[in-house]
Amino acid sequence: MSTMKSTGELRPSPYNNDVIDFEFEQDTPKQVINLANTEIAKTWKSAVLQWHYAHDVKVKYFKVKVPPLDMTLIIETPFTQQRQRYTISLGVERLKSNVARATQIIDDKETDVNMNDSHVTLNCDSNYQVILKFYIESTLYIIWIEYDVIQK
């Protein structure tokens, strides 16, 4: 199991009960959300997450290059606790315009996620987790991450 600790906070969206927001208090280029031991991991078969990432652009009226950010998302599901294999169907349509690159981490190796289709299917690793890393090179403030869990 991944021992990486979350560097942000998960909370239900005040606008939609079906959406979970996660926001990072720190302005750090490397951010982590670990869904282990959360309600998402215990009960949900699908999730819609909003990543509110912190960035500080101090110059008004000028296009400023924001330092690249990356966020590691560690997905656990009810199948993780049951030690059952599963896949996720990751919706990439909303990610395409905001995420420069997405990878899946298995055994400390990153493999690029195909961002050409509207959805991509990803298998869990030997720890029954799906670990994704999103690379951002944008000044946009919110990234939507949507996935469905599929038992094998």
N, C-alpha and C. Protein backbone atom coordinates (compact mmCIF):
# COMPACT_ATOMS: atom_id res chain seq x y z
N MET A 1 0.84 -1.18 0.00
CA MET A 1 0.00 0.00 0.00
C MET A 1 0.88 1.24 0.00
N SER A 2 0.39 2.26 -0.65
CA SER A 2 1.13 3.51 -0.67
C SER A 2 1.03 4.20 0.69
N THR A 3 2.15 4.70 1.14
CA THR A 3 2.19 5.40 2.42
C THR A 3 2.22 6.91 2.22
N MET A 4 2.07 7.36 1.01
CA MET A 4 2.08 8.80 0.75
C MET A 4 0.90 9.45 1.45
N LYS A 5 1.14 10.54 2.14
CA LYS A 5 0.11 11.27 2.87
C LYS A 5 -0.45 12.38 2.00
N SER A 6 -1.73 12.67 2.17
CA SER A 6 -2.37 13.77 1.44
C SER A 6 -1.78 15.10 1.88
N THR A 7 -1.59 15.98 0.90
CA THR A 7 -1.12 17.33 1.20
C THR A 7 -2.25 18.33 1.06
N GLY A 8 -3.47 17.84 0.97
CA GLY A 8 -4.62 18.72 0.83
C GLY A 8 -5.80 18.19 1.62
N GLU A 9 -6.95 18.80 1.38
CA GLU A 9 -8.16 18.48 2.14
C GLU A 9 -9.27 18.05 1.20
N LEU A 10 -9.95 16.96 1.56
CA LEU A 10 -11.13 16.49 0.83
C LEU A 10 -12.38 16.98 1.54
N ARG A 11 -13.36 17.44 0.76
CA ARG A 11 -14.64 17.82 1.36
C ARG A 11 -15.72 17.79 0.29
N PRO A 12 -16.97 17.52 0.70
CA PRO A 12 -18.07 17.54 -0.28
C PRO A 12 -18.21 18.93 -0.88
N SER A 13 -18.54 18.97 -2.15
CA SER A 13 -18.76 20.24 -2.82
C SER A 13 -20.00 20.91 -2.23
N PRO A 14 -19.93 22.20 -1.96
CA PRO A 14 -21.12 22.88 -1.44
C PRO A 14 -22.21 23.05 -2.50
N TYR A 15 -21.86 22.79 -3.76
CA TYR A 15 -22.80 23.01 -4.87
C TYR A 15 -23.42 21.73 -5.40
N ASN A 16 -22.78 20.58 -5.15
CA ASN A 16 -23.26 19.33 -5.73
C ASN A 16 -22.84 18.19 -4.81
N ASN A 17 -23.79 17.47 -4.24
CA ASN A 17 -23.48 16.37 -3.32
C ASN A 17 -22.77 15.21 -3.99
N ASP A 18 -22.83 15.13 -5.32
CA ASP A 18 -22.17 14.04 -6.03
C ASP A 18 -20.72 14.34 -6.36
N VAL A 19 -20.23 15.49 -5.95
CA VAL A 19 -18.87 15.91 -6.27
C VAL A 19 -18.09 16.10 -4.98
N ILE A 20 -16.85 15.64 -5.00
CA ILE A 20 -15.93 15.86 -3.88
C ILE A 20 -14.87 16.86 -4.34
N ASP A 21 -14.66 17.89 -3.55
CA ASP A 21 -13.61 18.87 -3.83
C ASP A 21 -12.36 18.46 -3.07
N PHE A 22 -11.20 18.65 -3.69
CA PHE A 22 -9.99 18.59 -2.89
C PHE A 22 -9.17 19.81 -3.22
N GLU A 23 -8.69 20.44 -2.16
CA GLU A 23 -8.01 21.71 -2.28
C GLU A 23 -6.72 21.64 -1.48
N PHE A 24 -5.70 22.25 -2.02
CA PHE A 24 -4.40 22.25 -1.38
C PHE A 24 -4.17 23.60 -0.73
N GLU A 25 -3.89 23.58 0.55
CA GLU A 25 -3.65 24.82 1.28
C GLU A 25 -2.26 25.37 0.98
N GLN A 26 -1.34 24.49 0.70
CA GLN A 26 0.03 24.90 0.48
C GLN A 26 0.25 25.19 -1.00
N ASP A 27 1.11 26.13 -1.28
CA ASP A 27 1.51 26.40 -2.66
C ASP A 27 2.74 25.56 -2.93
N THR A 28 2.50 24.30 -3.25
CA THR A 28 3.60 23.37 -3.47
C THR A 28 3.46 22.74 -4.85
N PRO A 29 4.56 22.57 -5.57
CA PRO A 29 4.46 22.00 -6.92
C PRO A 29 4.17 20.51 -6.95
N LYS A 30 4.35 19.81 -5.84
CA LYS A 30 4.08 18.37 -5.78
C LYS A 30 3.01 18.12 -4.73
N GLN A 31 1.84 17.66 -5.21
CA GLN A 31 0.69 17.52 -4.33
C GLN A 31 0.19 16.08 -4.37
N VAL A 32 -0.40 15.63 -3.27
CA VAL A 32 -0.84 14.23 -3.15
C VAL A 32 -2.23 14.20 -2.54
N ILE A 33 -3.11 13.38 -3.13
CA ILE A 33 -4.38 13.04 -2.50
C ILE A 33 -4.43 11.52 -2.40
N ASN A 34 -4.50 11.01 -1.19
CA ASN A 34 -4.60 9.58 -0.94
C ASN A 34 -6.02 9.30 -0.47
N LEU A 35 -6.78 8.57 -1.25
CA LEU A 35 -8.18 8.29 -0.93
C LEU A 35 -8.38 7.13 0.05
N ALA A 36 -7.27 6.55 0.53
CA ALA A 36 -7.37 5.46 1.51
C ALA A 36 -8.08 5.98 2.76
N ASN A 37 -8.93 5.13 3.32
CA ASN A 37 -9.65 5.43 4.56
C ASN A 37 -10.58 6.64 4.45
N THR A 38 -11.07 6.91 3.26
CA THR A 38 -12.06 7.97 3.07
C THR A 38 -13.39 7.33 2.70
N GLU A 39 -14.44 8.10 2.73
CA GLU A 39 -15.75 7.58 2.32
C GLU A 39 -15.73 7.14 0.86
N ILE A 40 -14.95 7.81 0.04
CA ILE A 40 -14.85 7.42 -1.38
C ILE A 40 -14.34 5.99 -1.47
N ALA A 41 -13.29 5.67 -0.72
CA ALA A 41 -12.70 4.33 -0.78
C ALA A 41 -13.61 3.28 -0.18
N LYS A 42 -14.44 3.66 0.76
CA LYS A 42 -15.28 2.68 1.46
C LYS A 42 -16.58 2.36 0.73
N THR A 43 -17.15 3.32 0.03
CA THR A 43 -18.51 3.11 -0.44
C THR A 43 -18.73 3.42 -1.91
N TRP A 44 -17.96 4.23 -2.54
CA TRP A 44 -18.31 4.73 -3.86
C TRP A 44 -17.87 3.81 -4.98
N LYS A 45 -18.71 3.68 -5.99
CA LYS A 45 -18.38 2.92 -7.20
C LYS A 45 -17.93 3.86 -8.32
N SER A 46 -18.14 5.14 -8.11
CA SER A 46 -17.66 6.13 -9.08
C SER A 46 -17.38 7.42 -8.31
N ALA A 47 -16.62 8.30 -8.92
CA ALA A 47 -16.29 9.54 -8.24
C ALA A 47 -16.12 10.67 -9.25
N VAL A 48 -16.50 11.84 -8.83
CA VAL A 48 -16.22 13.06 -9.57
C VAL A 48 -15.48 13.96 -8.59
N LEU A 49 -14.24 14.27 -8.91
CA LEU A 49 -13.40 15.06 -8.03
C LEU A 49 -13.03 16.37 -8.72
N GLN A 50 -12.97 17.43 -7.95
CA GLN A 50 -12.47 18.71 -8.44
C GLN A 50 -11.15 18.99 -7.74
N TRP A 51 -10.10 19.16 -8.51
CA TRP A 51 -8.80 19.50 -7.95
C TRP A 51 -8.64 21.00 -8.04
N HIS A 52 -8.69 21.66 -6.90
CA HIS A 52 -8.44 23.10 -6.81
C HIS A 52 -6.98 23.23 -6.45
N TYR A 53 -6.17 23.61 -7.40
CA TYR A 53 -4.75 23.68 -7.08
C TYR A 53 -4.31 25.12 -6.86
N ALA A 54 -3.46 25.27 -5.88
CA ALA A 54 -2.99 26.60 -5.49
C ALA A 54 -1.87 27.06 -6.42
N HIS A 55 -1.99 28.27 -6.86
CA HIS A 55 -0.89 28.90 -7.57
C HIS A 55 -0.98 30.40 -7.32
N ASP A 56 0.13 31.04 -7.36
CA ASP A 56 0.18 32.45 -7.02
C ASP A 56 0.75 33.22 -8.20
N VAL A 57 -0.13 33.83 -8.97
CA VAL A 57 0.30 34.66 -10.10
C VAL A 57 0.14 36.11 -9.67
N LYS A 58 1.25 36.79 -9.48
CA LYS A 58 1.22 38.12 -8.89
C LYS A 58 1.12 39.25 -9.91
N VAL A 59 1.33 38.96 -11.17
CA VAL A 59 1.34 40.02 -12.18
C VAL A 59 -0.01 40.07 -12.88
N LYS A 60 -0.70 41.22 -12.80
CA LYS A 60 -1.98 41.38 -13.47
C LYS A 60 -1.76 41.81 -14.92
N TYR A 61 -2.69 41.40 -15.78
CA TYR A 61 -2.74 41.82 -17.17
C TYR A 61 -1.61 41.28 -18.04
N PHE A 62 -0.79 40.41 -17.53
CA PHE A 62 0.27 39.81 -18.32
C PHE A 62 0.15 38.31 -18.21
N LYS A 63 0.44 37.64 -19.30
CA LYS A 63 0.43 36.19 -19.27
C LYS A 63 1.70 35.74 -18.55
N VAL A 64 1.51 34.99 -17.50
CA VAL A 64 2.62 34.56 -16.68
C VAL A 64 2.73 33.05 -16.76
N LYS A 65 3.93 32.55 -16.97
CA LYS A 65 4.13 31.09 -16.97
C LYS A 65 4.10 30.61 -15.53
N VAL A 66 3.16 29.74 -15.25
CA VAL A 66 3.02 29.17 -13.92
C VAL A 66 3.99 27.99 -13.82
N PRO A 67 4.69 27.86 -12.69
CA PRO A 67 5.58 26.70 -12.55
C PRO A 67 4.79 25.41 -12.71
N PRO A 68 5.36 24.41 -13.34
CA PRO A 68 4.64 23.14 -13.51
C PRO A 68 4.26 22.55 -12.15
N LEU A 69 3.06 22.00 -12.11
CA LEU A 69 2.56 21.34 -10.91
C LEU A 69 2.33 19.88 -11.23
N ASP A 70 2.42 19.04 -10.23
CA ASP A 70 1.94 17.68 -10.42
C ASP A 70 1.19 17.24 -9.18
N MET A 71 0.22 16.38 -9.41
CA MET A 71 -0.62 15.87 -8.34
C MET A 71 -0.71 14.36 -8.49
N THR A 72 -0.41 13.66 -7.42
CA THR A 72 -0.53 12.21 -7.38
C THR A 72 -1.85 11.87 -6.70
N LEU A 73 -2.67 11.07 -7.37
CA LEU A 73 -3.96 10.64 -6.85
C LEU A 73 -3.89 9.13 -6.60
N ILE A 74 -4.09 8.73 -5.36
CA ILE A 74 -4.06 7.32 -5.00
C ILE A 74 -5.50 6.88 -4.77
N ILE A 75 -6.00 6.04 -5.68
CA ILE A 75 -7.39 5.60 -5.63
C ILE A 75 -7.48 4.24 -4.96
N GLU A 76 -8.32 4.19 -3.93
CA GLU A 76 -8.70 2.93 -3.32
C GLU A 76 -10.21 2.82 -3.43
N THR A 77 -10.70 1.59 -3.42
CA THR A 77 -12.12 1.33 -3.58
C THR A 77 -12.53 0.26 -2.56
N PRO A 78 -13.80 -0.07 -2.48
CA PRO A 78 -14.18 -1.20 -1.62
C PRO A 78 -13.44 -2.49 -1.99
N PHE A 79 -13.05 -2.62 -3.26
CA PHE A 79 -12.32 -3.82 -3.70
C PHE A 79 -10.90 -3.85 -3.14
N THR A 80 -10.34 -2.70 -2.83
CA THR A 80 -9.00 -2.66 -2.24
C THR A 80 -9.00 -3.39 -0.89
N GLN A 81 -9.97 -3.07 -0.06
CA GLN A 81 -10.06 -3.71 1.26
C GLN A 81 -10.35 -5.20 1.15
N GLN A 82 -11.07 -5.60 0.11
CA GLN A 82 -11.42 -7.01 -0.10
C GLN A 82 -10.33 -7.76 -0.86
N ARG A 83 -9.27 -7.03 -1.26
CA ARG A 83 -8.15 -7.61 -2.02
C ARG A 83 -8.64 -8.26 -3.31
N GLN A 84 -9.55 -7.56 -4.01
CA GLN A 84 -10.09 -8.02 -5.28
C GLN A 84 -9.61 -7.10 -6.40
N ARG A 85 -9.30 -7.68 -7.52
CA ARG A 85 -8.84 -6.91 -8.68
C ARG A 85 -10.00 -6.08 -9.23
N TYR A 86 -9.67 -4.91 -9.77
CA TYR A 86 -10.66 -4.04 -10.39
C TYR A 86 -9.95 -3.14 -11.39
N THR A 87 -10.75 -2.48 -12.18
CA THR A 87 -10.24 -1.46 -13.10
C THR A 87 -11.02 -0.18 -12.84
N ILE A 88 -10.48 0.91 -13.34
CA ILE A 88 -11.25 2.14 -13.35
C ILE A 88 -11.36 2.60 -14.79
N SER A 89 -12.48 3.22 -15.09
CA SER A 89 -12.68 3.87 -16.38
C SER A 89 -12.55 5.37 -16.10
N LEU A 90 -11.42 5.92 -16.52
CA LEU A 90 -11.11 7.32 -16.27
C LEU A 90 -11.62 8.17 -17.42
N GLY A 91 -12.47 9.14 -17.11
CA GLY A 91 -12.93 10.08 -18.13
C GLY A 91 -11.85 11.11 -18.40
N VAL A 92 -11.36 11.13 -19.63
CA VAL A 92 -10.27 12.05 -19.94
C VAL A 92 -10.71 13.26 -20.75
N GLU A 93 -11.98 13.29 -21.13
CA GLU A 93 -12.47 14.39 -21.97
C GLU A 93 -12.22 15.75 -21.31
N ARG A 94 -12.56 15.86 -20.03
CA ARG A 94 -12.37 17.13 -19.32
C ARG A 94 -10.91 17.39 -18.96
N LEU A 95 -10.10 16.35 -18.95
CA LEU A 95 -8.69 16.49 -18.59
C LEU A 95 -7.85 17.00 -19.75
N LYS A 96 -8.26 16.67 -20.97
CA LYS A 96 -7.42 16.92 -22.15
C LYS A 96 -6.91 18.36 -22.27
N SER A 97 -7.78 19.30 -22.03
CA SER A 97 -7.38 20.69 -22.27
C SER A 97 -6.57 21.28 -21.12
N ASN A 98 -6.60 20.65 -19.94
CA ASN A 98 -5.95 21.23 -18.77
C ASN A 98 -4.74 20.46 -18.27
N VAL A 99 -4.66 19.19 -18.60
CA VAL A 99 -3.58 18.34 -18.11
C VAL A 99 -2.58 18.13 -19.24
N ALA A 100 -1.34 18.51 -18.99
CA ALA A 100 -0.30 18.35 -20.01
C ALA A 100 0.04 16.87 -20.22
N ARG A 101 0.00 16.11 -19.13
CA ARG A 101 0.37 14.69 -19.19
C ARG A 101 -0.24 13.99 -17.99
N ALA A 102 -0.65 12.75 -18.19
CA ALA A 102 -1.13 11.91 -17.10
C ALA A 102 -0.41 10.57 -17.19
N THR A 103 -0.03 10.05 -16.02
CA THR A 103 0.64 8.75 -15.99
C THR A 103 0.01 7.88 -14.92
N GLN A 104 0.18 6.57 -15.09
CA GLN A 104 -0.18 5.62 -14.04
C GLN A 104 1.12 5.09 -13.47
N ILE A 105 1.19 4.99 -12.15
CA ILE A 105 2.39 4.50 -11.48
C ILE A 105 2.13 3.08 -11.00
N ILE A 106 2.94 2.15 -11.50
CA ILE A 106 2.89 0.75 -11.07
C ILE A 106 4.32 0.33 -10.79
N ASP A 107 4.57 -0.15 -9.58
CA ASP A 107 5.91 -0.58 -9.17
C ASP A 107 6.95 0.52 -9.40
N ASP A 108 6.61 1.72 -9.01
CA ASP A 108 7.50 2.89 -9.10
C ASP A 108 7.87 3.28 -10.53
N LYS A 109 7.16 2.75 -11.51
CA LYS A 109 7.40 3.13 -12.91
C LYS A 109 6.18 3.86 -13.43
N GLU A 110 6.41 4.98 -14.11
CA GLU A 110 5.33 5.76 -14.69
C GLU A 110 5.11 5.36 -16.14
N THR A 111 3.85 5.13 -16.47
CA THR A 111 3.44 4.82 -17.84
C THR A 111 2.43 5.86 -18.28
N ASP A 112 2.62 6.43 -19.46
CA ASP A 112 1.71 7.45 -19.95
C ASP A 112 0.30 6.89 -20.13
N VAL A 113 -0.68 7.71 -19.76
CA VAL A 113 -2.09 7.39 -19.94
C VAL A 113 -2.51 7.97 -21.29
N ASN A 114 -3.18 7.15 -22.10
CA ASN A 114 -3.65 7.59 -23.41
C ASN A 114 -4.75 8.63 -23.24
N MET A 115 -4.50 9.85 -23.68
CA MET A 115 -5.46 10.94 -23.52
C MET A 115 -6.22 11.22 -24.82
N ASN A 116 -6.15 10.30 -25.78
CA ASN A 116 -6.78 10.53 -27.08
C ASN A 116 -8.26 10.16 -27.13
N ASP A 117 -8.69 9.28 -26.26
CA ASP A 117 -10.09 8.84 -26.26
C ASP A 117 -10.87 9.60 -25.19
N SER A 118 -12.16 9.36 -25.11
CA SER A 118 -12.96 10.03 -24.08
C SER A 118 -12.83 9.35 -22.73
N HIS A 119 -12.52 8.04 -22.72
CA HIS A 119 -12.31 7.27 -21.49
C HIS A 119 -11.13 6.34 -21.69
N VAL A 120 -10.45 6.02 -20.62
CA VAL A 120 -9.37 5.04 -20.67
C VAL A 120 -9.55 4.10 -19.49
N THR A 121 -9.31 2.81 -19.71
CA THR A 121 -9.45 1.80 -18.67
C THR A 121 -8.08 1.49 -18.09
N LEU A 122 -7.99 1.55 -16.76
CA LEU A 122 -6.72 1.33 -16.06
C LEU A 122 -6.91 0.25 -15.00
N ASN A 123 -6.00 -0.73 -14.96
CA ASN A 123 -6.06 -1.80 -13.98
C ASN A 123 -5.43 -1.37 -12.66
N CYS A 124 -5.91 -1.95 -11.57
CA CYS A 124 -5.28 -1.70 -10.28
C CYS A 124 -3.93 -2.42 -10.24
N ASP A 125 -3.09 -1.98 -9.32
CA ASP A 125 -1.77 -2.61 -9.17
C ASP A 125 -1.84 -3.78 -8.19
N SER A 126 -0.70 -4.31 -7.82
CA SER A 126 -0.67 -5.48 -6.93
C SER A 126 -1.11 -5.14 -5.51
N ASN A 127 -1.19 -3.84 -5.18
CA ASN A 127 -1.70 -3.40 -3.89
C ASN A 127 -3.18 -3.03 -3.96
N TYR A 128 -3.81 -3.33 -5.09
CA TYR A 128 -5.23 -3.05 -5.31
C TYR A 128 -5.53 -1.56 -5.25
N GLN A 129 -4.61 -0.77 -5.77
CA GLN A 129 -4.76 0.68 -5.88
C GLN A 129 -4.53 1.07 -7.33
N VAL A 130 -5.07 2.22 -7.70
CA VAL A 130 -4.72 2.85 -8.97
C VAL A 130 -4.06 4.17 -8.58
N ILE A 131 -2.80 4.33 -8.97
CA ILE A 131 -2.06 5.54 -8.65
C ILE A 131 -1.83 6.31 -9.95
N LEU A 132 -2.36 7.52 -9.97
CA LEU A 132 -2.26 8.37 -11.16
C LEU A 132 -1.49 9.64 -10.81
N LYS A 133 -0.78 10.15 -11.79
CA LYS A 133 -0.07 11.41 -11.61
C LYS A 133 -0.47 12.33 -12.76
N PHE A 134 -0.91 13.54 -12.39
CA PHE A 134 -1.34 14.53 -13.38
C PHE A 134 -0.33 15.68 -13.38
N TYR A 135 0.12 16.06 -14.57
CA TYR A 135 1.07 17.16 -14.73
C TYR A 135 0.34 18.34 -15.33
N ILE A 136 0.44 19.49 -14.70
CA ILE A 136 -0.27 20.68 -15.10
C ILE A 136 0.72 21.77 -15.50
N GLU A 137 0.47 22.40 -16.62
CA GLU A 137 1.26 23.57 -17.04
C GLU A 137 0.28 24.64 -17.48
N SER A 138 -0.64 24.99 -16.61
CA SER A 138 -1.73 25.88 -16.95
C SER A 138 -2.03 26.80 -15.79
N THR A 139 -2.66 27.92 -16.08
CA THR A 139 -3.08 28.81 -15.02
C THR A 139 -4.52 28.53 -14.59
N LEU A 140 -5.16 27.55 -15.21
CA LEU A 140 -6.52 27.19 -14.80
C LEU A 140 -6.50 26.70 -13.36
N TYR A 141 -7.57 26.94 -12.68
CA TYR A 141 -7.61 26.70 -11.24
C TYR A 141 -8.28 25.39 -10.85
N ILE A 142 -9.15 24.84 -11.69
CA ILE A 142 -9.89 23.63 -11.33
C ILE A 142 -9.71 22.58 -12.42
N ILE A 143 -9.42 21.37 -12.00
CA ILE A 143 -9.36 20.22 -12.89
C ILE A 143 -10.40 19.21 -12.40
N TRP A 144 -11.22 18.70 -13.33
CA TRP A 144 -12.22 17.68 -13.01
C TRP A 144 -11.63 16.31 -13.28
N ILE A 145 -11.76 15.40 -12.31
CA ILE A 145 -11.32 14.04 -12.47
C ILE A 145 -12.53 13.15 -12.21
N GLU A 146 -12.89 12.36 -13.21
CA GLU A 146 -14.07 11.50 -13.11
C GLU A 146 -13.65 10.06 -13.41
N TYR A 147 -14.14 9.12 -12.59
CA TYR A 147 -13.87 7.72 -12.88
C TYR A 147 -14.99 6.83 -12.36
N ASP A 148 -15.12 5.69 -13.01
CA ASP A 148 -16.03 4.63 -12.58
C ASP A 148 -15.19 3.42 -12.20
N VAL A 149 -15.62 2.70 -11.19
CA VAL A 149 -14.92 1.51 -10.72
C VAL A 149 -15.63 0.29 -11.29
N ILE A 150 -14.85 -0.64 -11.83
CA ILE A 150 -15.39 -1.85 -12.46
C ILE A 150 -14.72 -3.07 -11.84
N GLN A 151 -15.50 -3.95 -11.25
CA GLN A 151 -14.95 -5.17 -10.67
C GLN A 151 -14.55 -6.13 -11.78
N LYS A 152 -13.44 -6.80 -11.60
CA LYS A 152 -12.98 -7.79 -12.61
C LYS A 152 -13.56 -9.14 -12.31
